[in-house]
Amino acid sequence: MVIRKKTKNIIFFYIIAIIISTVSALAIKNLDLTNYPKPFVSKDILNSIIIVGENAHVRDMMGAIDVATSIGLSIQPMLDTEIENIKEQNIIIVGGPCVNTAAAEIMGWPQKCDKDFEPGKAKIKLFNTGSNVALLVAGYAVDDTVMACRLLANYGDYYLSGSEIEVAGTILDGFIIETVE
């Protein structure tokens, strides 16, 4: 009788764990940029880190700081060399795989680091990392990355939707925003 009760308890907690992980996975899978800055900020508290490449241009760091301050945070972005496991928490990655190892890892270590980028354009893309989310903000060149950071820093002025958008234009002009399906 005691063994049955323990077995029932174990099965009950196992089922609860499966339900919780399934709900969490579905919530992350259905995330899109419409809800930005969620899940990176929850109840005005940072729920993530911002990562910039150690060898990136200083303007990538400035773009990362713009993104952080736009969501009401005064934080210092971390360098990609300071992070051991990018899947342990929600992250915002600034800069592409040519200058940021976190971006290279989240993109599957592409053989040609600029393979998915075009001059004059940038991407803002969500990645599911298991129980967390990564947001890549990167362009072909530093000006393109800064353009995407500027757009994200002013997210309230734009309608963002989908799990990936492409941004074109310049940091001085208006942006052309296209949802990538």
N, C-alpha and C. Protein backbone atom coordinates (compact mmCIF):
# COMPACT_ATOMS: atom_id res chain seq x y z
N MET A 1 0.82 -1.19 0.00
CA MET A 1 0.00 0.00 0.00
C MET A 1 0.86 1.25 0.00
N VAL A 2 1.93 1.27 0.82
CA VAL A 2 2.82 2.43 0.89
C VAL A 2 3.56 2.60 -0.44
N ILE A 3 3.94 1.51 -1.06
CA ILE A 3 4.66 1.58 -2.34
C ILE A 3 3.74 2.16 -3.41
N ARG A 4 2.49 1.72 -3.43
CA ARG A 4 1.54 2.27 -4.40
C ARG A 4 1.39 3.77 -4.27
N LYS A 5 1.28 4.26 -3.03
CA LYS A 5 1.10 5.69 -2.80
C LYS A 5 2.32 6.46 -3.28
N LYS A 6 3.52 5.94 -2.99
CA LYS A 6 4.74 6.60 -3.46
C LYS A 6 4.81 6.59 -4.98
N THR A 7 4.43 5.48 -5.58
CA THR A 7 4.43 5.38 -7.03
C THR A 7 3.44 6.39 -7.62
N LYS A 8 2.26 6.49 -7.03
CA LYS A 8 1.27 7.46 -7.52
C LYS A 8 1.80 8.88 -7.39
N ASN A 9 2.46 9.18 -6.28
CA ASN A 9 3.03 10.52 -6.10
C ASN A 9 4.11 10.81 -7.14
N ILE A 10 4.96 9.83 -7.38
CA ILE A 10 6.02 10.02 -8.38
C ILE A 10 5.40 10.26 -9.75
N ILE A 11 4.41 9.46 -10.11
CA ILE A 11 3.75 9.62 -11.41
C ILE A 11 3.06 10.98 -11.48
N PHE A 12 2.39 11.38 -10.42
CA PHE A 12 1.72 12.67 -10.38
C PHE A 12 2.71 13.81 -10.63
N PHE A 13 3.83 13.82 -9.91
CA PHE A 13 4.82 14.89 -10.08
C PHE A 13 5.48 14.84 -11.46
N TYR A 14 5.65 13.64 -11.98
CA TYR A 14 6.22 13.49 -13.32
C TYR A 14 5.27 14.11 -14.36
N ILE A 15 3.98 13.83 -14.23
CA ILE A 15 2.99 14.39 -15.16
C ILE A 15 2.95 15.91 -15.04
N ILE A 16 2.99 16.44 -13.83
CA ILE A 16 3.01 17.89 -13.63
C ILE A 16 4.24 18.50 -14.30
N ALA A 17 5.39 17.86 -14.15
CA ALA A 17 6.62 18.37 -14.78
C ALA A 17 6.50 18.38 -16.29
N ILE A 18 5.91 17.35 -16.87
CA ILE A 18 5.70 17.29 -18.32
C ILE A 18 4.77 18.41 -18.77
N ILE A 19 3.69 18.63 -18.03
CA ILE A 19 2.75 19.69 -18.39
C ILE A 19 3.43 21.06 -18.34
N ILE A 20 4.17 21.31 -17.28
CA ILE A 20 4.86 22.61 -17.15
C ILE A 20 5.86 22.81 -18.27
N SER A 21 6.66 21.78 -18.58
CA SER A 21 7.66 21.95 -19.65
C SER A 21 6.99 22.10 -21.01
N THR A 22 5.87 21.41 -21.23
CA THR A 22 5.15 21.54 -22.50
C THR A 22 4.58 22.94 -22.66
N VAL A 23 3.96 23.46 -21.61
CA VAL A 23 3.40 24.82 -21.65
C VAL A 23 4.52 25.83 -21.87
N SER A 24 5.65 25.67 -21.18
CA SER A 24 6.78 26.58 -21.36
C SER A 24 7.31 26.52 -22.79
N ALA A 25 7.45 25.31 -23.33
CA ALA A 25 7.96 25.16 -24.69
C ALA A 25 7.01 25.79 -25.70
N LEU A 26 5.70 25.59 -25.51
CA LEU A 26 4.73 26.20 -26.43
C LEU A 26 4.75 27.71 -26.33
N ALA A 27 4.90 28.25 -25.13
CA ALA A 27 4.96 29.70 -24.96
C ALA A 27 6.17 30.26 -25.67
N ILE A 28 7.31 29.60 -25.54
CA ILE A 28 8.52 30.07 -26.21
C ILE A 28 8.38 29.92 -27.72
N LYS A 29 7.83 28.79 -28.18
CA LYS A 29 7.69 28.56 -29.61
C LYS A 29 6.81 29.63 -30.25
N ASN A 30 5.78 30.08 -29.53
CA ASN A 30 4.84 31.04 -30.08
C ASN A 30 5.25 32.49 -29.83
N LEU A 31 6.41 32.70 -29.22
CA LEU A 31 6.85 34.07 -29.01
C LEU A 31 7.12 34.74 -30.34
N ASP A 32 6.79 35.98 -30.39
CA ASP A 32 7.22 36.76 -31.54
C ASP A 32 7.53 38.17 -31.08
N LEU A 33 8.00 38.96 -31.99
CA LEU A 33 8.47 40.30 -31.65
C LEU A 33 7.34 41.26 -31.27
N THR A 34 6.10 40.85 -31.47
CA THR A 34 4.96 41.69 -31.08
C THR A 34 5.01 42.00 -29.59
N ASN A 35 5.50 41.05 -28.80
CA ASN A 35 5.51 41.21 -27.35
C ASN A 35 6.81 41.79 -26.82
N TYR A 36 7.75 42.16 -27.70
CA TYR A 36 9.02 42.70 -27.24
C TYR A 36 8.76 43.91 -26.35
N PRO A 37 9.40 44.03 -25.20
CA PRO A 37 10.63 43.39 -24.75
C PRO A 37 10.45 42.09 -23.96
N LYS A 38 9.25 41.53 -23.91
CA LYS A 38 9.10 40.22 -23.28
C LYS A 38 9.76 39.19 -24.17
N PRO A 39 10.35 38.18 -23.69
CA PRO A 39 10.56 37.72 -22.33
C PRO A 39 11.85 38.25 -21.71
N PHE A 40 12.48 39.20 -22.36
CA PHE A 40 13.77 39.69 -21.89
C PHE A 40 13.64 40.60 -20.67
N VAL A 41 12.45 41.16 -20.49
CA VAL A 41 12.13 41.97 -19.32
C VAL A 41 10.80 41.47 -18.79
N SER A 42 10.73 41.25 -17.50
CA SER A 42 9.49 40.81 -16.88
C SER A 42 9.25 41.67 -15.63
N LYS A 43 8.12 42.34 -15.60
CA LYS A 43 7.76 43.24 -14.49
C LYS A 43 8.88 44.25 -14.22
N ASP A 44 9.36 44.86 -15.29
CA ASP A 44 10.41 45.88 -15.24
C ASP A 44 11.73 45.36 -14.66
N ILE A 45 11.95 44.07 -14.71
CA ILE A 45 13.20 43.48 -14.24
C ILE A 45 13.83 42.73 -15.40
N LEU A 46 15.11 42.95 -15.61
CA LEU A 46 15.83 42.28 -16.67
C LEU A 46 15.81 40.78 -16.42
N ASN A 47 15.39 40.05 -17.45
CA ASN A 47 15.30 38.60 -17.37
C ASN A 47 16.24 38.00 -18.43
N SER A 48 17.37 38.66 -18.66
CA SER A 48 18.29 38.23 -19.71
C SER A 48 19.62 38.95 -19.56
N ILE A 49 20.53 38.60 -20.45
CA ILE A 49 21.79 39.34 -20.56
C ILE A 49 21.95 39.77 -22.01
N ILE A 50 22.73 40.80 -22.21
CA ILE A 50 23.04 41.29 -23.55
C ILE A 50 24.50 40.96 -23.82
N ILE A 51 24.75 40.34 -24.97
CA ILE A 51 26.09 39.86 -25.30
C ILE A 51 26.61 40.57 -26.55
N VAL A 52 27.83 41.09 -26.44
CA VAL A 52 28.51 41.73 -27.56
C VAL A 52 29.83 40.99 -27.79
N GLY A 53 30.24 40.89 -29.02
CA GLY A 53 31.49 40.20 -29.34
C GLY A 53 32.71 40.94 -28.80
N GLU A 54 33.64 40.19 -28.25
CA GLU A 54 34.87 40.80 -27.71
C GLU A 54 35.64 41.54 -28.80
N ASN A 55 35.59 41.04 -30.03
CA ASN A 55 36.32 41.66 -31.13
C ASN A 55 35.44 42.54 -32.01
N ALA A 56 34.23 42.82 -31.54
CA ALA A 56 33.31 43.65 -32.31
C ALA A 56 33.72 45.12 -32.24
N HIS A 57 33.21 45.88 -33.17
CA HIS A 57 33.42 47.32 -33.20
C HIS A 57 32.78 47.94 -31.96
N VAL A 58 33.34 49.00 -31.44
CA VAL A 58 32.81 49.68 -30.25
C VAL A 58 31.37 50.14 -30.48
N ARG A 59 31.00 50.39 -31.73
CA ARG A 59 29.62 50.82 -32.01
C ARG A 59 28.61 49.71 -31.76
N ASP A 60 29.05 48.43 -31.83
CA ASP A 60 28.16 47.34 -31.43
C ASP A 60 27.84 47.47 -29.94
N MET A 61 28.83 47.78 -29.14
CA MET A 61 28.63 47.97 -27.70
C MET A 61 27.68 49.15 -27.46
N MET A 62 27.86 50.22 -28.20
CA MET A 62 26.98 51.38 -28.06
C MET A 62 25.54 51.02 -28.45
N GLY A 63 25.39 50.23 -29.51
CA GLY A 63 24.07 49.77 -29.91
C GLY A 63 23.42 48.90 -28.84
N ALA A 64 24.22 48.03 -28.22
CA ALA A 64 23.71 47.17 -27.16
C ALA A 64 23.25 48.00 -25.96
N ILE A 65 24.01 49.03 -25.64
CA ILE A 65 23.63 49.91 -24.53
C ILE A 65 22.35 50.67 -24.87
N ASP A 66 22.19 51.09 -26.13
CA ASP A 66 20.94 51.74 -26.55
C ASP A 66 19.74 50.81 -26.36
N VAL A 67 19.91 49.55 -26.73
CA VAL A 67 18.83 48.57 -26.57
C VAL A 67 18.50 48.41 -25.09
N ALA A 68 19.52 48.27 -24.26
CA ALA A 68 19.30 48.10 -22.81
C ALA A 68 18.59 49.30 -22.20
N THR A 69 19.04 50.50 -22.51
CA THR A 69 18.44 51.68 -21.91
C THR A 69 17.02 51.92 -22.42
N SER A 70 16.73 51.47 -23.63
CA SER A 70 15.37 51.66 -24.17
C SER A 70 14.33 50.85 -23.42
N ILE A 71 14.77 49.78 -22.78
CA ILE A 71 13.83 48.99 -21.99
C ILE A 71 14.00 49.29 -20.50
N GLY A 72 14.61 50.44 -20.23
CA GLY A 72 14.69 50.95 -18.88
C GLY A 72 15.76 50.33 -18.02
N LEU A 73 16.79 49.82 -18.64
CA LEU A 73 17.84 49.14 -17.89
C LEU A 73 19.16 49.86 -18.01
N SER A 74 19.87 49.89 -16.95
CA SER A 74 21.20 50.47 -16.94
C SER A 74 22.18 49.34 -16.64
N ILE A 75 22.53 48.61 -17.69
CA ILE A 75 23.43 47.47 -17.51
C ILE A 75 24.60 47.57 -18.47
N GLN A 76 25.63 46.87 -18.14
CA GLN A 76 26.79 46.77 -19.01
C GLN A 76 26.68 45.45 -19.77
N PRO A 77 26.61 45.49 -21.09
CA PRO A 77 26.57 44.23 -21.83
C PRO A 77 27.81 43.38 -21.52
N MET A 78 27.64 42.08 -21.63
CA MET A 78 28.74 41.15 -21.41
C MET A 78 29.40 40.82 -22.73
N LEU A 79 30.65 40.40 -22.66
CA LEU A 79 31.38 39.97 -23.85
C LEU A 79 31.09 38.49 -24.12
N ASP A 80 31.14 38.12 -25.38
CA ASP A 80 30.88 36.74 -25.74
C ASP A 80 31.86 35.77 -25.06
N THR A 81 33.05 36.22 -24.76
CA THR A 81 34.05 35.37 -24.11
C THR A 81 33.76 35.16 -22.62
N GLU A 82 32.81 35.92 -22.07
CA GLU A 82 32.46 35.79 -20.65
C GLU A 82 31.31 34.81 -20.42
N ILE A 83 30.71 34.31 -21.48
CA ILE A 83 29.54 33.44 -21.37
C ILE A 83 29.94 32.01 -21.73
N GLU A 84 29.65 31.09 -20.81
CA GLU A 84 29.97 29.69 -21.07
C GLU A 84 28.85 28.96 -21.80
N ASN A 85 27.60 29.20 -21.41
CA ASN A 85 26.48 28.49 -22.01
C ASN A 85 25.39 29.50 -22.35
N ILE A 86 25.20 29.75 -23.64
CA ILE A 86 24.22 30.76 -24.05
C ILE A 86 22.78 30.29 -23.89
N LYS A 87 22.58 29.02 -23.59
CA LYS A 87 21.23 28.48 -23.46
C LYS A 87 20.71 28.49 -22.02
N GLU A 88 21.51 28.96 -21.08
CA GLU A 88 21.12 28.95 -19.67
C GLU A 88 20.10 30.03 -19.31
N GLN A 89 20.01 31.05 -20.12
CA GLN A 89 19.08 32.15 -19.83
C GLN A 89 18.70 32.85 -21.12
N ASN A 90 17.74 33.76 -21.01
CA ASN A 90 17.37 34.57 -22.16
C ASN A 90 18.53 35.50 -22.48
N ILE A 91 18.80 35.68 -23.77
CA ILE A 91 19.92 36.53 -24.17
C ILE A 91 19.54 37.40 -25.36
N ILE A 92 20.17 38.55 -25.43
CA ILE A 92 20.10 39.42 -26.60
C ILE A 92 21.53 39.50 -27.13
N ILE A 93 21.72 39.07 -28.36
CA ILE A 93 23.04 39.02 -28.97
C ILE A 93 23.14 40.17 -29.96
N VAL A 94 24.14 41.02 -29.79
CA VAL A 94 24.34 42.14 -30.70
C VAL A 94 25.60 41.87 -31.53
N GLY A 95 25.43 41.88 -32.84
CA GLY A 95 26.53 41.61 -33.75
C GLY A 95 26.41 40.22 -34.34
N GLY A 96 26.86 40.08 -35.57
CA GLY A 96 26.73 38.82 -36.28
C GLY A 96 27.83 37.82 -35.95
N PRO A 97 27.77 36.66 -36.59
CA PRO A 97 28.70 35.57 -36.30
C PRO A 97 30.15 35.86 -36.67
N CYS A 98 30.41 36.87 -37.46
CA CYS A 98 31.80 37.21 -37.80
C CYS A 98 32.51 37.87 -36.62
N VAL A 99 31.74 38.52 -35.72
CA VAL A 99 32.35 39.26 -34.61
C VAL A 99 31.86 38.82 -33.23
N ASN A 100 30.93 37.89 -33.19
CA ASN A 100 30.34 37.49 -31.91
C ASN A 100 30.16 35.97 -31.91
N THR A 101 30.89 35.26 -31.05
CA THR A 101 30.82 33.80 -31.01
C THR A 101 29.45 33.31 -30.53
N ALA A 102 28.76 34.11 -29.73
CA ALA A 102 27.39 33.74 -29.31
C ALA A 102 26.47 33.73 -30.54
N ALA A 103 26.63 34.70 -31.43
CA ALA A 103 25.84 34.73 -32.67
C ALA A 103 26.20 33.54 -33.55
N ALA A 104 27.48 33.23 -33.65
CA ALA A 104 27.91 32.08 -34.45
C ALA A 104 27.30 30.80 -33.91
N GLU A 105 27.32 30.65 -32.60
CA GLU A 105 26.76 29.44 -31.99
C GLU A 105 25.26 29.33 -32.21
N ILE A 106 24.53 30.42 -31.98
CA ILE A 106 23.07 30.38 -32.12
C ILE A 106 22.66 30.14 -33.57
N MET A 107 23.53 30.53 -34.52
CA MET A 107 23.24 30.35 -35.94
C MET A 107 23.82 29.04 -36.48
N GLY A 108 24.35 28.20 -35.61
CA GLY A 108 24.85 26.89 -36.04
C GLY A 108 26.26 26.92 -36.61
N TRP A 109 27.07 27.87 -36.19
CA TRP A 109 28.47 27.99 -36.63
C TRP A 109 28.59 27.93 -38.16
N PRO A 110 28.01 28.91 -38.86
CA PRO A 110 28.06 28.88 -40.33
C PRO A 110 29.50 28.90 -40.85
N GLN A 111 29.76 28.12 -41.91
CA GLN A 111 31.10 28.06 -42.50
C GLN A 111 31.56 29.45 -42.95
N LYS A 112 30.66 30.17 -43.57
CA LYS A 112 30.96 31.54 -44.02
C LYS A 112 30.15 32.46 -43.10
N CYS A 113 30.83 33.21 -42.25
CA CYS A 113 30.14 33.95 -41.18
C CYS A 113 29.14 35.00 -41.67
N ASP A 114 29.30 35.50 -42.88
CA ASP A 114 28.35 36.51 -43.37
C ASP A 114 27.34 35.92 -44.35
N LYS A 115 27.23 34.62 -44.38
CA LYS A 115 26.39 33.89 -45.33
C LYS A 115 24.94 34.37 -45.37
N ASP A 116 24.34 34.62 -44.25
CA ASP A 116 22.93 34.98 -44.20
C ASP A 116 22.66 36.49 -44.16
N PHE A 117 23.65 37.29 -44.48
CA PHE A 117 23.51 38.74 -44.38
C PHE A 117 23.81 39.40 -45.72
N GLU A 118 23.12 40.54 -45.94
CA GLU A 118 23.33 41.33 -47.16
C GLU A 118 23.76 42.74 -46.77
N PRO A 119 24.64 43.35 -47.57
CA PRO A 119 25.04 44.73 -47.27
C PRO A 119 23.81 45.65 -47.22
N GLY A 120 23.80 46.54 -46.23
CA GLY A 120 22.70 47.49 -46.09
C GLY A 120 21.48 46.94 -45.38
N LYS A 121 21.57 45.69 -44.89
CA LYS A 121 20.43 45.08 -44.21
C LYS A 121 20.87 44.46 -42.90
N ALA A 122 19.90 44.30 -42.02
CA ALA A 122 20.15 43.67 -40.71
C ALA A 122 18.97 42.78 -40.36
N LYS A 123 19.21 41.89 -39.41
CA LYS A 123 18.18 40.98 -38.94
C LYS A 123 17.94 41.20 -37.44
N ILE A 124 16.69 41.03 -37.07
CA ILE A 124 16.32 40.92 -35.67
C ILE A 124 15.53 39.61 -35.62
N LYS A 125 16.12 38.60 -34.96
CA LYS A 125 15.56 37.25 -35.07
C LYS A 125 15.56 36.55 -33.72
N LEU A 126 14.42 35.92 -33.41
CA LEU A 126 14.27 35.13 -32.20
C LEU A 126 14.69 33.68 -32.45
N PHE A 127 15.35 33.09 -31.48
CA PHE A 127 15.74 31.69 -31.53
C PHE A 127 15.25 31.01 -30.26
N ASN A 128 14.69 29.82 -30.40
CA ASN A 128 14.30 29.00 -29.26
C ASN A 128 15.54 28.23 -28.82
N THR A 129 15.95 28.37 -27.58
CA THR A 129 17.14 27.67 -27.08
C THR A 129 16.77 26.62 -26.04
N GLY A 130 15.60 26.05 -26.15
CA GLY A 130 15.14 25.08 -25.16
C GLY A 130 14.13 25.75 -24.26
N SER A 131 14.53 26.02 -23.04
CA SER A 131 13.60 26.67 -22.10
C SER A 131 13.80 28.19 -22.07
N ASN A 132 14.66 28.70 -22.94
CA ASN A 132 14.91 30.14 -23.01
C ASN A 132 14.84 30.63 -24.45
N VAL A 133 15.05 31.93 -24.61
CA VAL A 133 14.97 32.56 -25.92
C VAL A 133 16.20 33.42 -26.14
N ALA A 134 16.68 33.41 -27.39
CA ALA A 134 17.78 34.29 -27.78
C ALA A 134 17.25 35.24 -28.86
N LEU A 135 17.69 36.49 -28.80
CA LEU A 135 17.34 37.48 -29.80
C LEU A 135 18.63 37.95 -30.45
N LEU A 136 18.73 37.74 -31.75
CA LEU A 136 19.90 38.18 -32.51
C LEU A 136 19.58 39.52 -33.15
N VAL A 137 20.48 40.48 -32.96
CA VAL A 137 20.36 41.81 -33.57
C VAL A 137 21.67 42.01 -34.31
N ALA A 138 21.65 41.81 -35.63
CA ALA A 138 22.91 41.80 -36.37
C ALA A 138 22.71 42.20 -37.82
N GLY A 139 23.76 42.78 -38.37
CA GLY A 139 23.76 43.18 -39.76
C GLY A 139 25.01 42.73 -40.47
N TYR A 140 25.07 43.03 -41.75
CA TYR A 140 26.22 42.66 -42.57
C TYR A 140 27.48 43.38 -42.09
N ALA A 141 27.32 44.66 -41.76
CA ALA A 141 28.44 45.49 -41.28
C ALA A 141 27.99 46.21 -40.02
N VAL A 142 28.91 46.86 -39.37
CA VAL A 142 28.60 47.53 -38.09
C VAL A 142 27.49 48.56 -38.26
N ASP A 143 27.46 49.30 -39.36
CA ASP A 143 26.39 50.29 -39.56
C ASP A 143 25.02 49.61 -39.63
N ASP A 144 24.99 48.43 -40.23
CA ASP A 144 23.72 47.69 -40.33
C ASP A 144 23.27 47.20 -38.95
N THR A 145 24.23 46.72 -38.16
CA THR A 145 23.90 46.28 -36.80
C THR A 145 23.41 47.46 -35.96
N VAL A 146 24.07 48.58 -36.07
CA VAL A 146 23.65 49.78 -35.32
C VAL A 146 22.25 50.21 -35.76
N MET A 147 21.95 50.09 -37.06
CA MET A 147 20.62 50.42 -37.55
C MET A 147 19.57 49.54 -36.88
N ALA A 148 19.83 48.23 -36.78
CA ALA A 148 18.89 47.30 -36.14
C ALA A 148 18.76 47.61 -34.65
N CYS A 149 19.87 47.95 -34.00
CA CYS A 149 19.83 48.34 -32.58
C CYS A 149 18.99 49.59 -32.39
N ARG A 150 19.16 50.55 -33.27
CA ARG A 150 18.39 51.79 -33.18
C ARG A 150 16.90 51.52 -33.33
N LEU A 151 16.54 50.66 -34.28
CA LEU A 151 15.14 50.31 -34.45
C LEU A 151 14.62 49.62 -33.19
N LEU A 152 15.37 48.67 -32.66
CA LEU A 152 14.94 47.94 -31.47
C LEU A 152 14.88 48.87 -30.25
N ALA A 153 15.78 49.82 -30.18
CA ALA A 153 15.78 50.79 -29.07
C ALA A 153 14.53 51.67 -29.12
N ASN A 154 13.96 51.82 -30.30
CA ASN A 154 12.74 52.61 -30.48
C ASN A 154 11.56 51.72 -30.84
N TYR A 155 11.52 50.53 -30.27
CA TYR A 155 10.52 49.52 -30.63
C TYR A 155 9.09 50.02 -30.52
N GLY A 156 8.82 50.95 -29.64
CA GLY A 156 7.47 51.48 -29.48
C GLY A 156 6.99 52.27 -30.68
N ASP A 157 7.90 52.73 -31.52
CA ASP A 157 7.54 53.51 -32.70
C ASP A 157 7.22 52.64 -33.92
N TYR A 158 7.44 51.34 -33.80
CA TYR A 158 7.29 50.44 -34.95
C TYR A 158 6.40 49.27 -34.57
N TYR A 159 5.79 48.69 -35.57
CA TYR A 159 5.02 47.47 -35.36
C TYR A 159 5.93 46.30 -35.69
N LEU A 160 6.37 45.60 -34.67
CA LEU A 160 7.23 44.44 -34.85
C LEU A 160 6.38 43.19 -34.70
N SER A 161 6.57 42.23 -35.60
CA SER A 161 5.82 40.99 -35.50
C SER A 161 6.62 39.87 -36.13
N GLY A 162 6.23 38.66 -35.82
CA GLY A 162 6.92 37.48 -36.33
C GLY A 162 8.15 37.17 -35.51
N SER A 163 8.81 36.10 -35.88
CA SER A 163 10.01 35.70 -35.14
C SER A 163 11.27 36.26 -35.78
N GLU A 164 11.14 36.84 -36.97
CA GLU A 164 12.31 37.43 -37.64
C GLU A 164 11.86 38.59 -38.51
N ILE A 165 12.59 39.69 -38.41
CA ILE A 165 12.36 40.81 -39.32
C ILE A 165 13.68 41.20 -39.95
N GLU A 166 13.57 41.78 -41.13
CA GLU A 166 14.74 42.31 -41.82
C GLU A 166 14.58 43.82 -41.88
N VAL A 167 15.65 44.51 -41.61
CA VAL A 167 15.64 45.96 -41.57
C VAL A 167 16.58 46.48 -42.66
N ALA A 168 16.12 47.45 -43.41
CA ALA A 168 16.96 48.08 -44.43
C ALA A 168 16.87 49.58 -44.25
N GLY A 169 17.85 50.28 -44.74
CA GLY A 169 17.89 51.73 -44.64
C GLY A 169 19.23 52.17 -44.08
N THR A 170 19.21 53.30 -43.40
CA THR A 170 20.42 53.78 -42.74
C THR A 170 20.03 54.28 -41.35
N ILE A 171 21.02 54.50 -40.51
CA ILE A 171 20.72 54.97 -39.16
C ILE A 171 20.21 56.41 -39.16
N LEU A 172 20.39 57.11 -40.27
CA LEU A 172 19.95 58.51 -40.34
C LEU A 172 18.59 58.67 -40.99
N ASP A 173 18.19 57.68 -41.80
CA ASP A 173 16.92 57.74 -42.52
C ASP A 173 15.90 56.82 -41.88
N GLY A 174 14.72 56.80 -42.47
CA GLY A 174 13.70 55.87 -42.01
C GLY A 174 14.11 54.44 -42.32
N PHE A 175 13.45 53.52 -41.64
CA PHE A 175 13.75 52.10 -41.83
C PHE A 175 12.67 51.46 -42.68
N ILE A 176 13.06 50.46 -43.43
CA ILE A 176 12.11 49.60 -44.11
C ILE A 176 12.15 48.29 -43.33
N ILE A 177 11.00 47.88 -42.82
CA ILE A 177 10.93 46.70 -41.99
C ILE A 177 10.10 45.65 -42.72
N GLU A 178 10.64 44.45 -42.83
CA GLU A 178 9.94 43.36 -43.49
C GLU A 178 9.96 42.13 -42.60
N THR A 179 8.79 41.55 -42.37
CA THR A 179 8.72 40.31 -41.60
C THR A 179 9.18 39.17 -42.48
N VAL A 180 10.05 38.34 -41.98
CA VAL A 180 10.55 37.19 -42.73
C VAL A 180 9.76 35.97 -42.29
N GLU A 181 9.20 35.28 -43.23
CA GLU A 181 8.40 34.08 -42.90
C GLU A 181 9.18 32.84 -43.22
